[in-house]
């Protein structure tokens, strides 16, 4: 159920193992929100066209959106947001030495009545 989207500028792409970050996010969300890690779904999106501020070279952004079922307390959401931001900062490491990077995290509620899911699994032959 958790839907995790990391969107970042292409100039953050080189030498980053985004799968490691997604794995850490899954573990963190599972632990902080009491969610089975097996139902976390995540993706990384890199837009072809973007602009940061005045468009000057050397600027970048990474925006993390975590969507979870409504009902979690504000304290849990705050903890998820702060932990997600810390993971982003840690993962980007020295990229801030050469780029002005804006990091943001957004925790959104999923309305249970408006979310539909099913699962298809391979059948044994």
PDB file of N, CA and C in Angstrom:
ATOM      1  N   UNK A   1       0.789  -1.186   0.000  1.00  0.00           N
ATOM      2  CA  UNK A   1       0.000   0.000   0.000  1.00  0.00           C
ATOM      3  C   UNK A   1       0.837   1.258   0.000  1.00  0.00           C
ATOM      4  N   UNK A   2       1.824   1.428   0.826  1.00  0.00           N
ATOM      5  CA  UNK A   2       2.538   2.697   0.717  1.00  0.00           C
ATOM      6  C   UNK A   2       3.037   2.890  -0.717  1.00  0.00           C
ATOM      7  N   UNK A   3       2.766   4.073  -1.231  1.00  0.00           N
ATOM      8  CA  UNK A   3       3.229   4.464  -2.554  1.00  0.00           C
ATOM      9  C   UNK A   3       4.312   5.513  -2.348  1.00  0.00           C
ATOM     10  N   UNK A   4       5.510   5.211  -2.776  1.00  0.00           N
ATOM     11  CA  UNK A   4       6.671   6.059  -2.523  1.00  0.00           C
ATOM     12  C   UNK A   4       7.214   6.531  -3.864  1.00  0.00           C
ATOM     13  N   UNK A   5       7.315   7.833  -4.028  1.00  0.00           N
ATOM     14  CA  UNK A   5       7.838   8.396  -5.264  1.00  0.00           C
ATOM     15  C   UNK A   5       8.971   9.347  -4.932  1.00  0.00           C
ATOM     16  N   UNK A   6      10.118   9.104  -5.532  1.00  0.00           N
ATOM     17  CA  UNK A   6      11.253  10.019  -5.422  1.00  0.00           C
ATOM     18  C   UNK A   6      11.450  10.641  -6.795  1.00  0.00           C
ATOM     19  N   UNK A   7      11.303  11.937  -6.852  1.00  0.00           N
ATOM     20  CA  UNK A   7      11.528  12.665  -8.098  1.00  0.00           C
ATOM     21  C   UNK A   7      12.756  13.535  -7.886  1.00  0.00           C
ATOM     22  N   UNK A   8      13.683  13.480  -8.836  1.00  0.00           N
ATOM     23  CA  UNK A   8      14.897  14.288  -8.690  1.00  0.00           C
ATOM     24  C   UNK A   8      15.416  14.744 -10.042  1.00  0.00           C
ATOM     25  N   UNK A   9      16.192  15.804 -10.008  1.00  0.00           N
ATOM     26  CA  UNK A   9      16.766  16.345 -11.229  1.00  0.00           C
ATOM     27  C   UNK A   9      17.863  15.414 -11.752  1.00  0.00           C
ATOM     28  N   UNK A  10      18.058  15.458 -13.056  1.00  0.00           N
ATOM     29  CA  UNK A  10      19.003  14.547 -13.708  1.00  0.00           C
ATOM     30  C   UNK A  10      20.442  14.769 -13.250  1.00  0.00           C
ATOM     31  N   UNK A  11      20.764  15.973 -12.801  1.00  0.00           N
ATOM     32  CA  UNK A  11      22.138  16.217 -12.368  1.00  0.00           C
ATOM     33  C   UNK A  11      22.475  15.530 -11.050  1.00  0.00           C
ATOM     34  N   UNK A  12      21.510  14.876 -10.426  1.00  0.00           N
ATOM     35  CA  UNK A  12      21.781  14.058  -9.234  1.00  0.00           C
ATOM     36  C   UNK A  12      21.980  12.588  -9.594  1.00  0.00           C
ATOM     37  N   UNK A  13      21.818  12.246 -10.851  1.00  0.00           N
ATOM     38  CA  UNK A  13      21.838  10.860 -11.294  1.00  0.00           C
ATOM     39  C   UNK A  13      23.201  10.155 -11.168  1.00  0.00           C
ATOM     40  N   UNK A  14      24.291  10.762 -11.569  1.00  0.00           N
ATOM     41  CA  UNK A  14      25.556  10.017 -11.623  1.00  0.00           C
ATOM     42  C   UNK A  14      25.952   9.375 -10.288  1.00  0.00           C
ATOM     43  N   UNK A  15      26.389   8.156 -10.394  1.00  0.00           N
ATOM     44  CA  UNK A  15      26.987   7.444  -9.256  1.00  0.00           C
ATOM     45  C   UNK A  15      26.072   7.273  -8.043  1.00  0.00           C
ATOM     46  N   UNK A  16      24.793   7.270  -8.229  1.00  0.00           N
ATOM     47  CA  UNK A  16      23.878   7.070  -7.111  1.00  0.00           C
ATOM     48  C   UNK A  16      23.200   5.717  -7.251  1.00  0.00           C
ATOM     49  N   UNK A  17      23.206   4.947  -6.174  1.00  0.00           N
ATOM     50  CA  UNK A  17      22.489   3.680  -6.161  1.00  0.00           C
ATOM     51  C   UNK A  17      21.128   3.948  -5.527  1.00  0.00           C
ATOM     52  N   UNK A  18      20.168   4.303  -6.363  1.00  0.00           N
ATOM     53  CA  UNK A  18      18.850   4.675  -5.872  1.00  0.00           C
ATOM     54  C   UNK A  18      18.129   3.484  -5.262  1.00  0.00           C
ATOM     55  N   UNK A  19      18.426   2.277  -5.722  1.00  0.00           N
ATOM     56  CA  UNK A  19      17.781   1.090  -5.151  1.00  0.00           C
ATOM     57  C   UNK A  19      18.119   0.934  -3.667  1.00  0.00           C
ATOM     58  N   UNK A  20      19.335   1.273  -3.298  1.00  0.00           N
ATOM     59  CA  UNK A  20      19.732   1.220  -1.886  1.00  0.00           C
ATOM     60  C   UNK A  20      18.877   2.181  -1.066  1.00  0.00           C
ATOM     61  N   UNK A  21      18.680   3.384  -1.581  1.00  0.00           N
ATOM     62  CA  UNK A  21      17.845   4.353  -0.871  1.00  0.00           C
ATOM     63  C   UNK A  21      16.413   3.851  -0.749  1.00  0.00           C
ATOM     64  N   UNK A  22      15.862   3.284  -1.827  1.00  0.00           N
ATOM     65  CA  UNK A  22      14.494   2.773  -1.774  1.00  0.00           C
ATOM     66  C   UNK A  22      14.367   1.644  -0.760  1.00  0.00           C
ATOM     67  N   UNK A  23      15.346   0.786  -0.704  1.00  0.00           N
ATOM     68  CA  UNK A  23      15.338  -0.298   0.277  1.00  0.00           C
ATOM     69  C   UNK A  23      15.332   0.258   1.704  1.00  0.00           C
ATOM     70  N   UNK A  24      16.158   1.257   1.939  1.00  0.00           N
ATOM     71  CA  UNK A  24      16.208   1.884   3.262  1.00  0.00           C
ATOM     72  C   UNK A  24      14.872   2.562   3.594  1.00  0.00           C
ATOM     73  N   UNK A  25      14.268   3.207   2.600  1.00  0.00           N
ATOM     74  CA  UNK A  25      12.965   3.837   2.813  1.00  0.00           C
ATOM     75  C   UNK A  25      11.905   2.805   3.165  1.00  0.00           C
ATOM     76  N   UNK A  26      11.894   1.680   2.444  1.00  0.00           N
ATOM     77  CA  UNK A  26      10.919   0.619   2.737  1.00  0.00           C
ATOM     78  C   UNK A  26      11.070   0.142   4.183  1.00  0.00           C
ATOM     79  N   UNK A  27      12.307  -0.121   4.583  1.00  0.00           N
ATOM     80  CA  UNK A  27      12.547  -0.587   5.955  1.00  0.00           C
ATOM     81  C   UNK A  27      12.118   0.453   6.988  1.00  0.00           C
ATOM     82  N   UNK A  28      12.428   1.711   6.694  1.00  0.00           N
ATOM     83  CA  UNK A  28      12.107   2.783   7.625  1.00  0.00           C
ATOM     84  C   UNK A  28      10.593   2.964   7.761  1.00  0.00           C
ATOM     85  N   UNK A  29       9.895   2.975   6.643  1.00  0.00           N
ATOM     86  CA  UNK A  29       8.445   3.140   6.669  1.00  0.00           C
ATOM     87  C   UNK A  29       7.786   1.973   7.388  1.00  0.00           C
ATOM     88  N   UNK A  30       8.257   0.770   7.100  1.00  0.00           N
ATOM     89  CA  UNK A  30       7.702  -0.414   7.763  1.00  0.00           C
ATOM     90  C   UNK A  30       7.867  -0.305   9.275  1.00  0.00           C
ATOM     91  N   UNK A  31       9.042   0.098   9.706  1.00  0.00           N
ATOM     92  CA  UNK A  31       9.307   0.188  11.141  1.00  0.00           C
ATOM     93  C   UNK A  31       8.547   1.310  11.827  1.00  0.00           C
ATOM     94  N   UNK A  32       8.507   2.488  11.209  1.00  0.00           N
ATOM     95  CA  UNK A  32       7.892   3.654  11.851  1.00  0.00           C
ATOM     96  C   UNK A  32       6.364   3.644  11.778  1.00  0.00           C
ATOM     97  N   UNK A  33       5.817   3.083  10.693  1.00  0.00           N
ATOM     98  CA  UNK A  33       4.366   3.128  10.508  1.00  0.00           C
ATOM     99  C   UNK A  33       3.711   1.770  10.725  1.00  0.00           C
ATOM    100  N   UNK A  34       4.500   0.757  11.097  1.00  0.00           N
ATOM    101  CA  UNK A  34       3.938  -0.558  11.353  1.00  0.00           C
ATOM    102  C   UNK A  34       3.334  -1.201  10.115  1.00  0.00           C
ATOM    103  N   UNK A  35       4.032  -1.078   9.000  1.00  0.00           N
ATOM    104  CA  UNK A  35       3.546  -1.575   7.709  1.00  0.00           C
ATOM    105  C   UNK A  35       4.428  -2.736   7.269  1.00  0.00           C
ATOM    106  N   UNK A  36       3.813  -3.745   6.667  1.00  0.00           N
ATOM    107  CA  UNK A  36       4.556  -4.881   6.112  1.00  0.00           C
ATOM    108  C   UNK A  36       5.402  -4.384   4.944  1.00  0.00           C
ATOM    109  N   UNK A  37       6.699  -4.551   5.008  1.00  0.00           N
ATOM    110  CA  UNK A  37       7.603  -4.059   3.973  1.00  0.00           C
ATOM    111  C   UNK A  37       7.267  -4.643   2.596  1.00  0.00           C
ATOM    112  N   UNK A  38       6.664  -5.824   2.575  1.00  0.00           N
ATOM    113  CA  UNK A  38       6.350  -6.494   1.311  1.00  0.00           C
ATOM    114  C   UNK A  38       5.295  -5.756   0.482  1.00  0.00           C
ATOM    115  N   UNK A  39       4.546  -4.853   1.110  1.00  0.00           N
ATOM    116  CA  UNK A  39       3.522  -4.141   0.341  1.00  0.00           C
ATOM    117  C   UNK A  39       3.943  -2.718  -0.037  1.00  0.00           C
ATOM    118  N   UNK A  40       5.171  -2.349   0.276  1.00  0.00           N
ATOM    119  CA  UNK A  40       5.682  -1.035  -0.136  1.00  0.00           C
ATOM    120  C   UNK A  40       6.005  -1.062  -1.629  1.00  0.00           C
ATOM    121  N   UNK A  41       5.627   0.004  -2.321  1.00  0.00           N
ATOM    122  CA  UNK A  41       5.908   0.128  -3.746  1.00  0.00           C
ATOM    123  C   UNK A  41       6.566   1.485  -3.976  1.00  0.00           C
ATOM    124  N   UNK A  42       7.676   1.483  -4.691  1.00  0.00           N
ATOM    125  CA  UNK A  42       8.384   2.740  -4.880  1.00  0.00           C
ATOM    126  C   UNK A  42       8.904   2.866  -6.303  1.00  0.00           C
ATOM    127  N   UNK A  43       9.159   4.100  -6.664  1.00  0.00           N
ATOM    128  CA  UNK A  43       9.713   4.387  -7.973  1.00  0.00           C
ATOM    129  C   UNK A  43      10.531   5.666  -7.899  1.00  0.00           C
ATOM    130  N   UNK A  44      11.481   5.789  -8.838  1.00  0.00           N
ATOM    131  CA  UNK A  44      12.296   6.991  -8.962  1.00  0.00           C
ATOM    132  C   UNK A  44      11.989   7.599 -10.324  1.00  0.00           C
ATOM    133  N   UNK A  45      11.646   8.871 -10.322  1.00  0.00           N
ATOM    134  CA  UNK A  45      11.318   9.578 -11.559  1.00  0.00           C
ATOM    135  C   UNK A  45      12.311  10.713 -11.777  1.00  0.00           C
ATOM    136  N   UNK A  46      12.785  10.816 -13.005  1.00  0.00           N
ATOM    137  CA  UNK A  46      13.716  11.883 -13.371  1.00  0.00           C
ATOM    138  C   UNK A  46      13.094  12.638 -14.546  1.00  0.00           C
ATOM    139  N   UNK A  47      12.568  13.833 -14.305  1.00  0.00           N
ATOM    140  CA  UNK A  47      11.912  14.565 -15.385  1.00  0.00           C
ATOM    141  C   UNK A  47      12.907  15.011 -16.459  1.00  0.00           C
ATOM    142  N   UNK A  48      12.447  14.980 -17.708  1.00  0.00           N
ATOM    143  CA  UNK A  48      13.288  15.450 -18.811  1.00  0.00           C
ATOM    144  C   UNK A  48      13.484  16.959 -18.741  1.00  0.00           C
ATOM    145  N   UNK A  49      12.455  17.644 -18.307  1.00  0.00           N
ATOM    146  CA  UNK A  49      12.503  19.099 -18.239  1.00  0.00           C
ATOM    147  C   UNK A  49      12.219  19.523 -16.807  1.00  0.00           C
ATOM    148  N   UNK A  50      13.051  20.387 -16.288  1.00  0.00           N
ATOM    149  CA  UNK A  50      12.847  20.914 -14.936  1.00  0.00           C
ATOM    150  C   UNK A  50      13.538  22.260 -14.822  1.00  0.00           C
ATOM    151  N   UNK A  51      13.175  22.991 -13.821  1.00  0.00           N
ATOM    152  CA  UNK A  51      13.792  24.283 -13.536  1.00  0.00           C
ATOM    153  C   UNK A  51      13.803  24.445 -12.018  1.00  0.00           C
ATOM    154  N   UNK A  52      14.918  24.869 -11.490  1.00  0.00           N
ATOM    155  CA  UNK A  52      15.026  25.156 -10.063  1.00  0.00           C
ATOM    156  C   UNK A  52      15.322  26.650  -9.932  1.00  0.00           C
ATOM    157  N   UNK A  53      14.456  27.347  -9.238  1.00  0.00           N
ATOM    158  CA  UNK A  53      14.648  28.784  -9.009  1.00  0.00           C
ATOM    159  C   UNK A  53      14.766  29.564 -10.300  1.00  0.00           C
ATOM    160  N   UNK A  54      15.861  30.300 -10.435  1.00  0.00           N
ATOM    161  CA  UNK A  54      16.073  31.138 -11.619  1.00  0.00           C
ATOM    162  C   UNK A  54      16.627  30.353 -12.808  1.00  0.00           C
ATOM    163  N   UNK A  55      16.804  29.056 -12.646  1.00  0.00           N
ATOM    164  CA  UNK A  55      17.275  28.213 -13.742  1.00  0.00           C
ATOM    165  C   UNK A  55      18.781  28.182 -13.907  1.00  0.00           C
ATOM    166  N   UNK A  56      19.513  28.808 -12.997  1.00  0.00           N
ATOM    167  CA  UNK A  56      20.968  28.831 -13.094  1.00  0.00           C
ATOM    168  C   UNK A  56      21.530  27.418 -12.976  1.00  0.00           C
ATOM    169  N   UNK A  57      22.644  27.172 -13.637  1.00  0.00           N
ATOM    170  CA  UNK A  57      23.330  25.887 -13.551  1.00  0.00           C
ATOM    171  C   UNK A  57      23.732  25.621 -12.098  1.00  0.00           C
ATOM    172  N   UNK A  58      23.867  24.363 -11.772  1.00  0.00           N
ATOM    173  CA  UNK A  58      24.342  24.000 -10.446  1.00  0.00           C
ATOM    174  C   UNK A  58      23.257  23.896  -9.397  1.00  0.00           C
ATOM    175  N   UNK A  59      21.990  23.932  -9.814  1.00  0.00           N
ATOM    176  CA  UNK A  59      20.896  23.782  -8.874  1.00  0.00           C
ATOM    177  C   UNK A  59      20.205  22.449  -9.126  1.00  0.00           C
ATOM    178  N   UNK A  60      19.668  21.855  -8.059  1.00  0.00           N
ATOM    179  CA  UNK A  60      19.037  20.545  -8.163  1.00  0.00           C
ATOM    180  C   UNK A  60      17.942  20.429  -7.109  1.00  0.00           C
ATOM    181  N   UNK A  61      17.105  19.400  -7.270  1.00  0.00           N
ATOM    182  CA  UNK A  61      16.131  19.099  -6.227  1.00  0.00           C
ATOM    183  C   UNK A  61      15.895  17.605  -6.160  1.00  0.00           C
ATOM    184  N   UNK A  62      15.451  17.178  -4.986  1.00  0.00           N
ATOM    185  CA  UNK A  62      14.958  15.814  -4.775  1.00  0.00           C
ATOM    186  C   UNK A  62      13.712  15.962  -3.910  1.00  0.00           C
ATOM    187  N   UNK A  63      12.594  15.421  -4.406  1.00  0.00           N
ATOM    188  CA  UNK A  63      11.328  15.506  -3.679  1.00  0.00           C
ATOM    189  C   UNK A  63      10.818  14.090  -3.447  1.00  0.00           C
ATOM    190  N   UNK A  64      10.612  13.755  -2.198  1.00  0.00           N
ATOM    191  CA  UNK A  64      10.138  12.435  -1.796  1.00  0.00           C
ATOM    192  C   UNK A  64       8.685  12.552  -1.344  1.00  0.00           C
ATOM    193  N   UNK A  65       7.812  11.756  -1.968  1.00  0.00           N
ATOM    194  CA  UNK A  65       6.413  11.698  -1.574  1.00  0.00           C
ATOM    195  C   UNK A  65       6.131  10.302  -1.029  1.00  0.00           C
ATOM    196  N   UNK A  66       5.587  10.248   0.178  1.00  0.00           N
ATOM    197  CA  UNK A  66       5.204   8.983   0.804  1.00  0.00           C
ATOM    198  C   UNK A  66       3.704   9.038   1.045  1.00  0.00           C
ATOM    199  N   UNK A  67       2.980   8.158   0.369  1.00  0.00           N
ATOM    200  CA  UNK A  67       1.519   8.107   0.509  1.00  0.00           C
ATOM    201  C   UNK A  67       1.160   6.846   1.293  1.00  0.00           C
ATOM    202  N   UNK A  68       0.440   7.056   2.410  1.00  0.00           N
ATOM    203  CA  UNK A  68       0.040   5.945   3.277  1.00  0.00           C
ATOM    204  C   UNK A  68      -1.437   6.095   3.610  1.00  0.00           C
ATOM    205  N   UNK A  69      -2.068   4.984   4.023  1.00  0.00           N
ATOM    206  CA  UNK A  69      -3.473   5.047   4.404  1.00  0.00           C
ATOM    207  C   UNK A  69      -3.681   6.065   5.518  1.00  0.00           C
ATOM    208  N   UNK A  70      -4.763   6.805   5.412  1.00  0.00           N
ATOM    209  CA  UNK A  70      -5.135   7.783   6.426  1.00  0.00           C
ATOM    210  C   UNK A  70      -5.314   7.084   7.767  1.00  0.00           C
ATOM    211  N   UNK A  71      -5.094   7.841   8.823  1.00  0.00           N
ATOM    212  CA  UNK A  71      -5.297   7.301  10.168  1.00  0.00           C
ATOM    213  C   UNK A  71      -4.045   7.329  11.021  1.00  0.00           C
ATOM    214  N   UNK A  72      -2.884   7.554  10.393  1.00  0.00           N
ATOM    215  CA  UNK A  72      -1.653   7.661  11.182  1.00  0.00           C
ATOM    216  C   UNK A  72      -1.646   9.005  11.908  1.00  0.00           C
ATOM    217  N   UNK A  73      -1.078   9.019  13.081  1.00  0.00           N
ATOM    218  CA  UNK A  73      -1.042  10.243  13.889  1.00  0.00           C
ATOM    219  C   UNK A  73      -0.096  11.271  13.258  1.00  0.00           C
ATOM    220  N   UNK A  74      -0.311  12.549  13.594  1.00  0.00           N
ATOM    221  CA  UNK A  74       0.623  13.573  13.125  1.00  0.00           C
ATOM    222  C   UNK A  74       2.063  13.283  13.570  1.00  0.00           C
ATOM    223  N   UNK A  75       2.221  12.693  14.745  1.00  0.00           N
ATOM    224  CA  UNK A  75       3.562  12.374  15.233  1.00  0.00           C
ATOM    225  C   UNK A  75       4.243  11.340  14.340  1.00  0.00           C
ATOM    226  N   UNK A  76       3.507  10.323  13.901  1.00  0.00           N
ATOM    227  CA  UNK A  76       4.072   9.309  13.011  1.00  0.00           C
ATOM    228  C   UNK A  76       4.451   9.938  11.676  1.00  0.00           C
ATOM    229  N   UNK A  77       3.587  10.808  11.155  1.00  0.00           N
ATOM    230  CA  UNK A  77       3.874  11.473   9.881  1.00  0.00           C
ATOM    231  C   UNK A  77       5.108  12.360   9.994  1.00  0.00           C
ATOM    232  N   UNK A  78       5.221  13.072  11.107  1.00  0.00           N
ATOM    233  CA  UNK A  78       6.400  13.913  11.338  1.00  0.00           C
ATOM    234  C   UNK A  78       7.657  13.062  11.389  1.00  0.00           C
ATOM    235  N   UNK A  79       7.572  11.945  12.090  1.00  0.00           N
ATOM    236  CA  UNK A  79       8.729  11.050  12.192  1.00  0.00           C
ATOM    237  C   UNK A  79       9.109  10.493  10.819  1.00  0.00           C
ATOM    238  N   UNK A  80       8.115  10.091  10.028  1.00  0.00           N
ATOM    239  CA  UNK A  80       8.379   9.599   8.672  1.00  0.00           C
ATOM    240  C   UNK A  80       9.040  10.681   7.821  1.00  0.00           C
ATOM    241  N   UNK A  81       8.530  11.901   7.908  1.00  0.00           N
ATOM    242  CA  UNK A  81       9.086  13.002   7.121  1.00  0.00           C
ATOM    243  C   UNK A  81      10.518  13.321   7.504  1.00  0.00           C
ATOM    244  N   UNK A  82      10.771  13.417   8.777  1.00  0.00           N
ATOM    245  CA  UNK A  82      12.134  13.724   9.237  1.00  0.00           C
ATOM    246  C   UNK A  82      13.112  12.599   8.888  1.00  0.00           C
ATOM    247  N   UNK A  83      12.658  11.362   9.058  1.00  0.00           N
ATOM    248  CA  UNK A  83      13.517  10.217   8.739  1.00  0.00           C
ATOM    249  C   UNK A  83      13.784  10.150   7.239  1.00  0.00           C
ATOM    250  N   UNK A  84      12.768  10.410   6.423  1.00  0.00           N
ATOM    251  CA  UNK A  84      12.952  10.416   4.970  1.00  0.00           C
ATOM    252  C   UNK A  84      13.928  11.494   4.538  1.00  0.00           C
ATOM    253  N   UNK A  85      13.814  12.672   5.129  1.00  0.00           N
ATOM    254  CA  UNK A  85      14.729  13.770   4.812  1.00  0.00           C
ATOM    255  C   UNK A  85      16.164  13.418   5.205  1.00  0.00           C
ATOM    256  N   UNK A  86      16.332  12.796   6.368  1.00  0.00           N
ATOM    257  CA  UNK A  86      17.665  12.384   6.810  1.00  0.00           C
ATOM    258  C   UNK A  86      18.265  11.355   5.848  1.00  0.00           C
ATOM    259  N   UNK A  87      17.446  10.407   5.383  1.00  0.00           N
ATOM    260  CA  UNK A  87      17.939   9.416   4.423  1.00  0.00           C
ATOM    261  C   UNK A  87      18.360  10.075   3.117  1.00  0.00           C
ATOM    262  N   UNK A  88      17.564  11.020   2.635  1.00  0.00           N
ATOM    263  CA  UNK A  88      17.928  11.737   1.407  1.00  0.00           C
ATOM    264  C   UNK A  88      19.265  12.455   1.575  1.00  0.00           C
ATOM    265  N   UNK A  89      19.399  13.191   2.673  1.00  0.00           N
ATOM    266  CA  UNK A  89      20.644  13.928   2.923  1.00  0.00           C
ATOM    267  C   UNK A  89      21.835  12.981   2.979  1.00  0.00           C
ATOM    268  N   UNK A  90      21.672  11.875   3.667  1.00  0.00           N
ATOM    269  CA  UNK A  90      22.750  10.907   3.791  1.00  0.00           C
ATOM    270  C   UNK A  90      23.086  10.293   2.433  1.00  0.00           C
ATOM    271  N   UNK A  91      22.057   9.951   1.664  1.00  0.00           N
ATOM    272  CA  UNK A  91      22.269   9.294   0.379  1.00  0.00           C
ATOM    273  C   UNK A  91      22.970  10.214  -0.620  1.00  0.00           C
ATOM    274  N   UNK A  92      22.640  11.495  -0.587  1.00  0.00           N
ATOM    275  CA  UNK A  92      23.243  12.420  -1.545  1.00  0.00           C
ATOM    276  C   UNK A  92      24.647  12.823  -1.142  1.00  0.00           C
ATOM    277  N   UNK A  93      24.968  12.632   0.120  1.00  0.00           N
ATOM    278  CA  UNK A  93      26.339  12.829   0.599  1.00  0.00           C
ATOM    279  C   UNK A  93      27.009  14.082   0.092  1.00  0.00           C
ATOM    280  N   UNK A  94      28.054  13.902  -0.688  1.00  0.00           N
ATOM    281  CA  UNK A  94      28.876  15.028  -1.131  1.00  0.00           C
ATOM    282  C   UNK A  94      28.332  15.746  -2.354  1.00  0.00           C
ATOM    283  N   UNK A  95      27.169  15.362  -2.868  1.00  0.00           N
ATOM    284  CA  UNK A  95      26.605  16.064  -4.030  1.00  0.00           C
ATOM    285  C   UNK A  95      26.406  17.544  -3.726  1.00  0.00           C
ATOM    286  N   UNK A  96      26.166  17.862  -2.457  1.00  0.00           N
ATOM    287  CA  UNK A  96      26.000  19.246  -2.042  1.00  0.00           C
ATOM    288  C   UNK A  96      27.280  20.060  -2.118  1.00  0.00           C
ATOM    289  N   UNK A  97      28.417  19.397  -2.334  1.00  0.00           N
ATOM    290  CA  UNK A  97      29.681  20.116  -2.488  1.00  0.00           C
ATOM    291  C   UNK A  97      29.734  20.862  -3.821  1.00  0.00           C
ATOM    292  N   UNK A  98      28.998  20.366  -4.818  1.00  0.00           N
ATOM    293  CA  UNK A  98      29.050  20.971  -6.146  1.00  0.00           C
ATOM    294  C   UNK A  98      27.696  21.483  -6.630  1.00  0.00           C
ATOM    295  N   UNK A  99      26.621  21.118  -5.943  1.00  0.00           N
ATOM    296  CA  UNK A  99      25.278  21.517  -6.346  1.00  0.00           C
ATOM    297  C   UNK A  99      24.529  22.161  -5.190  1.00  0.00           C
ATOM    298  N   UNK A 100      23.668  23.112  -5.507  1.00  0.00           N
ATOM    299  CA  UNK A 100      22.742  23.696  -4.548  1.00  0.00           C
ATOM    300  C   UNK A 100      21.471  22.851  -4.640  1.00  0.00           C
ATOM    301  N   UNK A 101      21.240  21.966  -3.653  1.00  0.00           N
ATOM    302  CA  UNK A 101      20.167  20.969  -3.732  1.00  0.00           C
ATOM    303  C   UNK A 101      19.050  21.306  -2.747  1.00  0.00           C
ATOM    304  N   UNK A 102      17.831  21.404  -3.264  1.00  0.00           N
ATOM    305  CA  UNK A 102      16.662  21.577  -2.414  1.00  0.00           C
ATOM    306  C   UNK A 102      16.054  20.203  -2.172  1.00  0.00           C
ATOM    307  N   UNK A 103      15.940  19.820  -0.905  1.00  0.00           N
ATOM    308  CA  UNK A 103      15.380  18.519  -0.526  1.00  0.00           C
ATOM    309  C   UNK A 103      14.033  18.746   0.149  1.00  0.00           C
ATOM    310  N   UNK A 104      13.028  17.984  -0.278  1.00  0.00           N
ATOM    311  CA  UNK A 104      11.703  18.096   0.326  1.00  0.00           C
ATOM    312  C   UNK A 104      11.086  16.715   0.484  1.00  0.00           C
ATOM    313  N   UNK A 105      10.263  16.581   1.512  1.00  0.00           N
ATOM    314  CA  UNK A 105       9.537  15.336   1.777  1.00  0.00           C
ATOM    315  C   UNK A 105       8.081  15.706   2.062  1.00  0.00           C
ATOM    316  N   UNK A 106       7.181  14.935   1.494  1.00  0.00           N
ATOM    317  CA  UNK A 106       5.754  15.170   1.676  1.00  0.00           C
ATOM    318  C   UNK A 106       5.092  13.856   2.065  1.00  0.00           C
ATOM    319  N   UNK A 107       4.355  13.867   3.163  1.00  0.00           N
ATOM    320  CA  UNK A 107       3.623  12.689   3.621  1.00  0.00           C
ATOM    321  C   UNK A 107       2.140  12.942   3.344  1.00  0.00           C
ATOM    322  N   UNK A 108       1.535  12.076   2.537  1.00  0.00           N
ATOM    323  CA  UNK A 108       0.146  12.262   2.139  1.00  0.00           C
ATOM    324  C   UNK A 108      -0.703  11.078   2.586  1.00  0.00           C
ATOM    325  N   UNK A 109      -1.954  11.360   2.885  1.00  0.00           N
ATOM    326  CA  UNK A 109      -2.914  10.316   3.244  1.00  0.00           C
ATOM    327  C   UNK A 109      -3.565   9.740   1.991  1.00  0.00           C
ATOM    328  N   UNK A 110      -3.776   8.447   1.994  1.00  0.00           N
ATOM    329  CA  UNK A 110      -4.574   7.770   0.982  1.00  0.00           C
ATOM    330  C   UNK A 110      -5.933   7.488   1.620  1.00  0.00           C
ATOM    331  N   UNK A 111      -6.978   7.925   0.970  1.00  0.00           N
ATOM    332  CA  UNK A 111      -8.338   7.660   1.435  1.00  0.00           C
ATOM    333  C   UNK A 111      -8.654   6.185   1.162  1.00  0.00           C
ATOM    334  N   UNK A 112      -8.872   5.416   2.205  1.00  0.00           N
ATOM    335  CA  UNK A 112      -9.119   3.976   2.057  1.00  0.00           C
ATOM    336  C   UNK A 112     -10.301   3.666   1.145  1.00  0.00           C
ATOM    337  N   UNK A 113     -11.328   4.500   1.205  1.00  0.00           N
ATOM    338  CA  UNK A 113     -12.526   4.253   0.394  1.00  0.00           C
ATOM    339  C   UNK A 113     -12.289   4.528  -1.087  1.00  0.00           C
ATOM    340  N   UNK A 114     -11.219   5.226  -1.418  1.00  0.00           N
ATOM    341  CA  UNK A 114     -10.947   5.582  -2.810  1.00  0.00           C
ATOM    342  C   UNK A 114      -9.717   4.857  -3.360  1.00  0.00           C
ATOM    343  N   UNK A 115      -9.245   3.846  -2.654  1.00  0.00           N
ATOM    344  CA  UNK A 115      -8.046   3.111  -3.062  1.00  0.00           C
ATOM    345  C   UNK A 115      -8.438   1.652  -3.260  1.00  0.00           C
ATOM    346  N   UNK A 116      -8.165   1.130  -4.430  1.00  0.00           N
ATOM    347  CA  UNK A 116      -8.541  -0.236  -4.761  1.00  0.00           C
ATOM    348  C   UNK A 116      -7.289  -1.008  -5.135  1.00  0.00           C
ATOM    349  N   UNK A 117      -7.198  -2.237  -4.670  1.00  0.00           N
ATOM    350  CA  UNK A 117      -6.014  -3.025  -4.968  1.00  0.00           C
ATOM    351  C   UNK A 117      -6.370  -4.500  -5.076  1.00  0.00           C
ATOM    352  N   UNK A 118      -5.530  -5.182  -5.777  1.00  0.00           N
ATOM    353  CA  UNK A 118      -5.633  -6.631  -5.914  1.00  0.00           C
ATOM    354  C   UNK A 118      -4.209  -7.107  -6.173  1.00  0.00           C
ATOM    355  N   UNK A 119      -4.034  -8.395  -6.209  1.00  0.00           N
ATOM    356  CA  UNK A 119      -2.695  -8.923  -6.433  1.00  0.00           C
ATOM    357  C   UNK A 119      -2.802 -10.148  -7.348  1.00  0.00           C
ATOM    358  N   UNK A 120      -1.969 -10.163  -8.347  1.00  0.00           N
ATOM    359  CA  UNK A 120      -1.873 -11.299  -9.253  1.00  0.00           C
ATOM    360  C   UNK A 120      -0.570 -12.017  -8.932  1.00  0.00           C
ATOM    361  N   UNK A 121      -0.638 -13.310  -8.727  1.00  0.00           N
ATOM    362  CA  UNK A 121       0.566 -14.070  -8.416  1.00  0.00           C
ATOM    363  C   UNK A 121       0.669 -15.237  -9.384  1.00  0.00           C
ATOM    364  N   UNK A 122       1.883 -15.695  -9.649  1.00  0.00           N
ATOM    365  CA  UNK A 122       2.060 -16.814 -10.557  1.00  0.00           C
ATOM    366  C   UNK A 122       1.387 -18.069  -9.998  1.00  0.00           C
ATOM    367  N   UNK A 123       0.832 -18.857 -10.878  1.00  0.00           N
ATOM    368  CA  UNK A 123       0.231 -20.113 -10.453  1.00  0.00           C
ATOM    369  C   UNK A 123       1.243 -21.240 -10.663  1.00  0.00           C
ATOM    370  N   UNK A 124       1.214 -22.191  -9.781  1.00  0.00           N
ATOM    371  CA  UNK A 124       2.137 -23.340  -9.871  1.00  0.00           C
ATOM    372  C   UNK A 124       1.715 -24.215 -11.060  1.00  0.00           C
ATOM    373  N   UNK A 125       2.704 -24.725 -11.776  1.00  0.00           N
ATOM    374  CA  UNK A 125       2.384 -25.608 -12.909  1.00  0.00           C
ATOM    375  C   UNK A 125       2.758 -27.028 -12.620  1.00  0.00           C
TER     376      UNK A 125
END
